[in-house]
């Protein structure tokens, strides 16, 4: 039996340098003030901080698959992969430039010694202002079993939770639509893992009514429509968060799975960590601010009040899960 460790992490504003030649002119103008002082030295510090945490994942072995968001381009992903060489991993990168207003994307690292890449698809979320696409990557284990991962970074709560909710509902509908197409094309027992920063929690309407997620394993397993089993419900009940705002914890970074990982004798199935948990929020000690509301220490930017290059990482904690292959 093979066990695979999957991680997800919002890396918080992993931009290329402020004068990057890879950045379109319109974004260069839009981001000029935000990226002031974001030079090669600062970027290198940010990458070192991120790599330190990624190397700790999977008991210091590094993740087999890692989904990330808030990255600007493939250049910074390749630089981050270079910082991970001590893991002796053969990481491939799946990335697609998206049309987000701030130029940030979603991507995946995957170990090419464990998985073969079979294709990628970017599913546009139709919103008045450009936002991140849903990013689908089709993989296959070396034993020949298919695995689909879909990365998400849904519209933020800027302007208010309820005022912005329709945009996340759009994203939830888009996800559900493409899951249905996947079921039609690839069969309803295809294993699909949906992960991301959803900017909503597992009980919000966008997740339950539109992405069709549930806390019921049985209901997901027996469904012929693309229901999703949300692994985050137990975490949500712990009053612990993956992201903190105004000293309040939110579980907005989530893993969800389709019925294909829940069926008896499934070739690839949902597994548990040694302590019986199916998902973890990775609050490594150096990341935690401490106090009553232990939010993660931000790296920030030179142009922001949160800039902390020596001790900061991201404003999100990474999350992880495991699957097994029979």
Protein backbone atom coordinates (compact mmCIF):
# COMPACT_ATOMS: atom_id res chain seq x y z
CA UNK A 1 0.00 0.00 0.00
CA UNK A 2 1.27 3.46 -0.93
CA UNK A 3 0.40 6.52 1.14
CA UNK A 4 0.51 10.01 -0.32
CA UNK A 5 0.68 13.28 1.59
CA UNK A 6 -1.13 16.28 0.09
CA UNK A 7 -0.76 19.85 1.25
CA UNK A 8 -2.37 23.18 0.47
CA UNK A 9 -1.00 26.60 1.35
CA UNK A 10 -1.90 30.19 0.53
CA UNK A 11 1.61 31.65 0.29
CA UNK A 12 0.42 35.26 0.69
CA UNK A 13 1.62 37.56 -2.07
CA UNK A 14 4.51 35.58 -3.52
CA UNK A 15 5.25 38.13 -6.22
CA UNK A 16 8.14 38.38 -8.60
CA UNK A 17 10.47 41.36 -8.04
CA UNK A 18 8.97 44.84 -8.36
CA UNK A 19 10.55 45.49 -11.78
CA UNK A 20 9.96 42.00 -13.20
CA UNK A 21 10.12 41.74 -16.97
CA UNK A 22 7.55 38.93 -16.75
CA UNK A 23 4.82 41.32 -15.58
CA UNK A 24 2.49 42.99 -18.12
CA UNK A 25 2.58 46.80 -18.22
CA UNK A 26 -0.95 47.19 -16.88
CA UNK A 27 -0.12 45.06 -13.82
CA UNK A 28 3.18 46.86 -13.35
CA UNK A 29 1.27 50.11 -13.06
CA UNK A 30 -1.43 48.64 -10.83
CA UNK A 31 1.02 47.01 -8.40
CA UNK A 32 3.70 49.72 -8.33
CA UNK A 33 2.91 51.04 -4.85
CA UNK A 34 2.09 47.63 -3.41
CA UNK A 35 5.42 46.14 -4.53
CA UNK A 36 7.65 49.06 -3.65
CA UNK A 37 10.85 47.64 -2.17
CA UNK A 38 10.03 44.05 -3.22
CA UNK A 39 13.49 43.39 -4.63
CA UNK A 40 15.52 40.24 -5.21
CA UNK A 41 16.83 40.19 -1.63
CA UNK A 42 13.33 40.42 -0.13
CA UNK A 43 11.99 37.77 -2.50
CA UNK A 44 14.84 35.44 -1.55
CA UNK A 45 14.03 35.88 2.14
CA UNK A 46 10.37 35.14 1.47
CA UNK A 47 11.27 31.99 -0.47
CA UNK A 48 13.59 30.81 2.30
CA UNK A 49 10.84 31.27 4.89
CA UNK A 50 8.29 29.40 2.82
CA UNK A 51 10.71 26.58 2.04
CA UNK A 52 11.48 26.16 5.74
CA UNK A 53 7.84 25.30 6.42
CA UNK A 54 7.29 23.14 3.32
CA UNK A 55 10.31 21.04 4.29
CA UNK A 56 8.69 20.33 7.67
CA UNK A 57 5.56 18.89 6.07
CA UNK A 58 5.10 15.12 5.96
CA UNK A 59 7.45 14.61 8.94
CA UNK A 60 10.30 16.47 7.21
CA UNK A 61 9.89 14.55 3.94
CA UNK A 62 7.98 17.30 2.15
CA UNK A 63 4.57 16.88 0.50
CA UNK A 64 3.94 14.48 -2.39
CA UNK A 65 1.51 17.02 -3.84
CA UNK A 66 1.31 20.66 -2.77
CA UNK A 67 -1.30 23.10 -4.00
CA UNK A 68 -0.48 26.79 -3.61
CA UNK A 69 -2.09 30.12 -4.34
CA UNK A 70 -1.18 33.81 -4.33
CA UNK A 71 1.82 33.22 -6.57
CA UNK A 72 2.52 35.53 -9.50
CA UNK A 73 4.17 33.36 -12.12
CA UNK A 74 6.11 30.20 -12.88
CA UNK A 75 9.40 32.01 -12.28
CA UNK A 76 8.78 32.29 -8.52
CA UNK A 77 7.53 28.70 -8.43
CA UNK A 78 10.76 27.47 -9.99
CA UNK A 79 12.73 29.55 -7.50
CA UNK A 80 10.77 27.98 -4.64
CA UNK A 81 11.35 24.50 -6.06
CA UNK A 82 15.06 25.29 -6.04
CA UNK A 83 14.85 26.03 -2.31
CA UNK A 84 13.39 22.55 -1.77
CA UNK A 85 16.22 20.58 -3.37
CA UNK A 86 17.47 19.29 -0.03
CA UNK A 87 14.31 17.15 0.14
CA UNK A 88 15.66 15.12 -2.82
CA UNK A 89 12.26 15.39 -4.45
CA UNK A 90 11.68 15.48 -8.19
CA UNK A 91 9.03 18.19 -8.16
CA UNK A 92 7.16 18.99 -11.32
CA UNK A 93 5.14 22.21 -11.55
CA UNK A 94 1.66 22.65 -12.97
CA UNK A 95 0.80 26.32 -13.46
CA UNK A 96 -1.36 28.51 -15.68
CA UNK A 97 -1.26 32.30 -15.96
CA UNK A 98 -4.66 33.62 -14.93
CA UNK A 99 -6.40 36.95 -15.48
CA UNK A 100 -6.78 37.94 -11.83
CA UNK A 101 -6.82 41.68 -11.14
CA UNK A 102 -3.62 41.42 -9.07
CA UNK A 103 -1.95 38.87 -11.32
CA UNK A 104 -1.93 36.04 -8.77
CA UNK A 105 -2.38 32.40 -9.72
CA UNK A 106 -2.92 28.86 -8.43
CA UNK A 107 -0.38 26.07 -9.00
CA UNK A 108 0.65 22.58 -7.95
CA UNK A 109 3.95 20.94 -7.10
CA UNK A 110 3.86 17.15 -7.56
CA UNK A 111 6.58 14.53 -7.21
CA UNK A 112 7.27 13.18 -10.70
CA UNK A 113 8.71 10.01 -9.19
CA UNK A 114 5.23 9.25 -7.82
CA UNK A 115 2.85 10.78 -10.36
CA UNK A 116 2.61 11.18 -14.11
CA UNK A 117 1.15 14.42 -15.45
CA UNK A 118 -1.76 13.87 -17.87
CA UNK A 119 -3.05 17.38 -18.48
CA UNK A 120 -4.36 20.57 -16.94
CA UNK A 121 -7.45 22.74 -17.36
CA UNK A 122 -8.26 26.25 -16.21
CA UNK A 123 -11.98 26.85 -15.53
CA UNK A 124 -12.97 30.51 -15.66
CA UNK A 125 -15.23 31.97 -12.98
CA UNK A 126 -17.43 34.55 -14.68
CA UNK A 127 -17.31 37.60 -12.45
CA UNK A 128 -17.62 41.32 -13.17
CA UNK A 129 -13.98 41.83 -12.22
CA UNK A 130 -11.39 39.22 -13.15
CA UNK A 131 -10.66 36.62 -10.47
CA UNK A 132 -8.72 33.38 -10.20
CA UNK A 133 -9.81 30.43 -12.34
CA UNK A 134 -10.36 26.98 -10.91
CA UNK A 135 -7.25 24.99 -11.78
CA UNK A 136 -7.61 21.28 -12.57
CA UNK A 137 -4.64 18.94 -12.91
CA UNK A 138 -5.00 15.32 -14.01
CA UNK A 139 -2.40 12.97 -12.57
CA UNK A 140 -1.83 9.23 -12.59
CA UNK A 141 0.06 7.22 -10.00
CA UNK A 142 2.93 5.03 -11.12
CA UNK A 143 0.62 2.08 -10.47
CA UNK A 144 -1.74 3.43 -13.13
CA UNK A 145 -4.53 4.89 -11.01
CA UNK A 146 -5.95 8.30 -11.99
CA UNK A 147 -6.14 11.19 -9.54
CA UNK A 148 -7.60 14.62 -10.25
CA UNK A 149 -6.78 17.64 -8.09
CA UNK A 150 -8.57 20.98 -8.39
CA UNK A 151 -7.12 24.13 -6.84
CA UNK A 152 -9.35 27.02 -5.78
CA UNK A 153 -8.87 30.60 -4.64
CA UNK A 154 -12.35 32.05 -4.47
CA UNK A 155 -13.18 35.80 -4.40
CA UNK A 156 -12.31 37.53 -1.14
CA UNK A 157 -14.72 39.06 1.36
CA UNK A 158 -13.62 42.57 0.44
CA UNK A 159 -16.55 44.95 0.83
CA UNK A 160 -18.36 42.68 3.30
CA UNK A 161 -19.20 39.01 3.77
CA UNK A 162 -22.72 39.18 2.37
CA UNK A 163 -21.98 41.82 -0.25
CA UNK A 164 -19.26 39.61 -1.75
CA UNK A 165 -21.02 36.28 -1.20
CA UNK A 166 -22.59 36.13 -4.70
CA UNK A 167 -19.09 35.96 -6.22
CA UNK A 168 -18.20 32.90 -4.15
CA UNK A 169 -21.55 31.39 -5.06
CA UNK A 170 -20.52 31.82 -8.70
CA UNK A 171 -17.29 29.98 -7.97
CA UNK A 172 -19.18 27.20 -6.18
CA UNK A 173 -21.52 26.79 -9.14
CA UNK A 174 -18.57 26.72 -11.53
CA UNK A 175 -16.88 24.02 -9.47
CA UNK A 176 -20.03 21.91 -9.35
CA UNK A 177 -20.57 22.29 -13.09
CA UNK A 178 -17.09 21.05 -13.94
CA UNK A 179 -17.29 18.20 -11.46
CA UNK A 180 -20.42 17.05 -13.24
CA UNK A 181 -18.58 17.18 -16.57
CA UNK A 182 -15.72 15.17 -15.04
CA UNK A 183 -18.18 12.55 -13.82
CA UNK A 184 -19.75 12.34 -17.29
CA UNK A 185 -16.43 12.01 -19.10
CA UNK A 186 -14.38 10.01 -16.63
CA UNK A 187 -17.11 8.16 -14.60
CA UNK A 188 -18.61 8.96 -11.20
CA UNK A 189 -16.05 6.98 -9.18
CA UNK A 190 -13.06 8.96 -10.44
CA UNK A 191 -11.09 10.17 -7.38
CA UNK A 192 -11.13 13.98 -7.25
CA UNK A 193 -9.60 16.08 -4.48
CA UNK A 194 -10.75 19.69 -4.30
CA UNK A 195 -8.57 22.03 -2.25
CA UNK A 196 -8.08 25.72 -1.80
CA UNK A 197 -8.65 29.02 -0.09
CA UNK A 198 -12.40 29.36 -0.46
CA UNK A 199 -12.80 32.56 1.57
CA UNK A 200 -15.88 30.89 3.04
CA UNK A 201 -16.22 28.22 5.71
CA UNK A 202 -17.64 24.76 5.30
CA UNK A 203 -21.12 25.80 6.52
CA UNK A 204 -21.52 28.81 4.19
CA UNK A 205 -24.02 28.71 1.34
CA UNK A 206 -21.39 28.80 -1.39
CA UNK A 207 -19.95 25.54 -0.06
CA UNK A 208 -23.10 23.67 0.97
CA UNK A 209 -25.77 24.78 -1.51
CA UNK A 210 -23.69 25.56 -4.58
CA UNK A 211 -20.50 23.49 -4.41
CA UNK A 212 -22.76 20.74 -2.99
CA UNK A 213 -20.47 19.80 -0.12
CA UNK A 214 -21.56 17.98 2.99
CA UNK A 215 -20.35 16.58 6.31
CA UNK A 216 -21.98 13.22 5.46
CA UNK A 217 -19.56 10.61 4.18
CA UNK A 218 -22.45 8.24 3.42
CA UNK A 219 -24.37 10.84 1.45
CA UNK A 220 -21.31 11.62 -0.66
CA UNK A 221 -20.47 7.96 -1.21
CA UNK A 222 -23.98 7.11 -2.41
CA UNK A 223 -24.43 10.19 -4.61
CA UNK A 224 -24.46 9.94 -8.37
CA UNK A 225 -24.22 13.70 -8.70
CA UNK A 226 -20.90 15.35 -7.80
CA UNK A 227 -21.29 15.81 -4.06
CA UNK A 228 -18.20 16.63 -2.04
CA UNK A 229 -17.29 15.31 1.39
CA UNK A 230 -15.77 18.25 3.28
CA UNK A 231 -12.96 17.13 5.56
CA UNK A 232 -12.90 20.38 7.52
CA UNK A 233 -16.04 20.01 9.66
CA UNK A 234 -14.16 18.57 12.69
CA UNK A 235 -11.58 21.37 12.46
CA UNK A 236 -14.34 23.95 12.31
CA UNK A 237 -15.68 22.64 15.61
CA UNK A 238 -12.35 23.17 17.37
CA UNK A 239 -12.53 26.99 17.31
CA UNK A 240 -9.22 26.92 15.46
CA UNK A 241 -8.55 28.59 12.14
CA UNK A 242 -6.43 28.41 9.01
CA UNK A 243 -6.75 32.21 8.76
CA UNK A 244 -7.47 34.90 11.37
CA UNK A 245 -9.25 38.22 10.93
CA UNK A 246 -9.99 40.70 13.71
CA UNK A 247 -8.82 38.11 16.26
CA UNK A 248 -11.32 35.54 15.01
CA UNK A 249 -10.41 32.14 13.49
CA UNK A 250 -11.77 31.12 10.09
CA UNK A 251 -11.43 27.71 8.45
CA UNK A 252 -11.33 28.93 4.86
CA UNK A 253 -8.54 26.64 3.58
CA UNK A 254 -10.20 23.31 2.94
CA UNK A 255 -9.98 19.83 1.44
CA UNK A 256 -13.00 18.12 -0.11
CA UNK A 257 -13.22 14.75 -1.87
CA UNK A 258 -15.61 13.00 -4.24
CA UNK A 259 -17.16 9.59 -3.77
CA UNK A 260 -14.34 7.90 -5.66
CA UNK A 261 -12.12 8.16 -2.58
CA UNK A 262 -14.82 6.88 -0.23
CA UNK A 263 -15.93 3.66 -1.93
CA UNK A 264 -15.11 0.25 -0.50
CA UNK A 265 -12.06 -1.27 -2.23
CA UNK A 266 -11.39 1.98 -4.10
CA UNK A 267 -7.92 1.89 -5.73
CA UNK A 268 -7.18 5.32 -4.26
CA UNK A 269 -8.95 6.17 -1.02
CA UNK A 270 -9.13 8.69 1.78
CA UNK A 271 -6.75 7.77 4.61
CA UNK A 272 -5.95 8.96 8.12
CA UNK A 273 -2.93 10.25 9.94
CA UNK A 274 -1.47 8.18 12.77
CA UNK A 275 -3.70 9.94 15.32
CA UNK A 276 -6.87 9.14 13.34
CA UNK A 277 -7.36 12.62 11.86
CA UNK A 278 -8.23 12.93 8.18
CA UNK A 279 -6.98 16.52 7.90
CA UNK A 280 -4.59 18.76 9.79
CA UNK A 281 -3.91 22.46 10.15
CA UNK A 282 -0.12 22.66 10.27
CA UNK A 283 0.61 25.22 12.97
CA UNK A 284 4.36 24.86 13.18
CA UNK A 285 5.66 26.59 16.29
CA UNK A 286 7.77 29.17 14.48
CA UNK A 287 4.72 30.32 12.52
CA UNK A 288 2.45 30.94 15.49
CA UNK A 289 2.14 34.44 16.93
CA UNK A 290 1.00 33.16 20.33
CA UNK A 291 -1.54 34.64 22.67
CA UNK A 292 -5.27 34.00 22.85
CA UNK A 293 -5.64 34.19 19.07
CA UNK A 294 -2.64 32.33 17.64
CA UNK A 295 -2.72 33.66 14.10
CA UNK A 296 0.19 32.96 11.75
CA UNK A 297 3.06 35.44 11.58
CA UNK A 298 2.92 37.32 8.29
CA UNK A 299 5.92 38.02 6.10
CA UNK A 300 4.19 41.09 4.68
CA UNK A 301 5.79 43.50 2.20
CA UNK A 302 8.25 46.38 2.61
CA UNK A 303 5.43 48.74 1.70
CA UNK A 304 3.13 47.37 4.43
CA UNK A 305 2.98 47.70 8.21
CA UNK A 306 3.09 43.89 8.56
CA UNK A 307 6.57 43.50 7.05
CA UNK A 308 8.50 40.92 9.10
CA UNK A 309 11.14 39.31 6.85
CA UNK A 310 13.08 37.56 9.60
CA UNK A 311 10.19 35.81 11.35
CA UNK A 312 7.20 35.96 9.01
CA UNK A 313 5.78 33.38 6.62
CA UNK A 314 2.18 33.85 5.43
CA UNK A 315 -1.19 34.97 6.77
CA UNK A 316 -2.51 31.42 6.30
CA UNK A 317 -1.53 28.13 7.90
CA UNK A 318 -0.94 25.21 5.52
CA UNK A 319 -3.35 22.27 5.69
CA UNK A 320 -2.69 18.63 4.86
CA UNK A 321 -4.38 15.30 4.25
CA UNK A 322 -3.36 11.76 3.26
CA UNK A 323 -4.65 9.22 0.76
CA UNK A 324 -3.72 5.59 0.25
CA UNK A 325 -3.40 3.41 -2.84
CA UNK A 326 -4.26 -0.25 -2.51
